[in-house]
C-alpha cells in the first residue's frame, strides 16, 4: 500500500515489491526499452530520480529500487545495513527481475553499491552514470571523518534512533543543498523515517562512510575491468566528500569517462538540476547507442 503522505503528482509511479529474505523491498519499473537501473544513496530513496524516470521512461525501461531500510521498503531493526549487504541485495534484486545489458545510475552510496555488482557482472553492463560518489576509502577525508564522529557518538545515536527526534537531524549534515529545497519536497525525503524506530538504515550507512573503507578499496581495485565501458560523471562541485577531488580520481581511473561539472551545486544534482541532467544523460545514451551498445535500436 502506498503511504498517504506521498505526493502522487511528484511520484506518480506504480510501486512494486520484491520479497527479499532480509525484508520487503519496494521499486518502480516504468517504460520499455534498454534498462536504466537507478540506485540511490543515503538519506534518499527512488524519489530523487523521479524527474529522470518520468522523462526517460518514454524511451527506456527505468527501474529504481529502494534499499532495505529506505524509502518505501521495509525497515527491519536488526538488518545488515552495510554497503556490502546492500550490494548483495541489489544483486539478488537484479536476478529476480532478470535484468541484463544494464545502464547503472548511481548516486552517493549508490555508486559503490552499484559498482560492486558491475565488478561481478562486467558483461551485463552497457554503460554507467554516476553522481557525486566514491569507490575508495574515505579514512583520509576530513569531512567524512567529522561526520562519522557525529554518527558514532552514542548520545547522538540514542537521540536519533531511540527518541522521537526529527529526521531533519540527518539531512542537513549529509546533503549540502538541503536548505535550498522547498519544505514540501524536503518532507517527501524525510517522511520514510518519521518513526524513530525505522531509522537504522540511514544511521548505519552513515557510520560506514569510514567503517567500510576496506570494502570500498576492494571494489576500486577491481574496477579497472570496467575501463572500456562508457561512463558519464555528473558532479556537483560543492560536495565536500566527493567534489572536485573525487571527480579527478574517477577521470584518471576511467580515461574514457565523460565528466560534467555542476558549478555551485552540492551532491543532490538529480534533485537540483533535473533538466540539465536529462540533457546530459540523453546525449550520453545516444552516443552509447551509436557505438552499437544496443544493436537493433537504431533500425
Foldseek 3Di string as FASTA:
>chain_A
DDDPLDDCVLVVFDWDWDQDVLFIKIKGWAAADAEEEEFEDFLAACSLQSLVCVPCNPHHTYMGIGFALFDPTDQDLPGDQELVVSLVVVLVVCVVVVQFQYEYEAAASRVQSVLVVCLVCVRRHQAYEYFQYAQAACPVQPLLVVQLVQLVPVVNVCCQQPHQDFPVVPCVSQAVCLVVDDPSVNCSSRVVCNDSNSNPNNSVHSNCSHVCRVVSRVSLVSCLVNLPHEYEYEYEQPASRRHPVVVVVVCVSRVNYHYDYDYPGYRSCSNPPVVVVSVVVVVSVVVSVVVVSPPPPVD
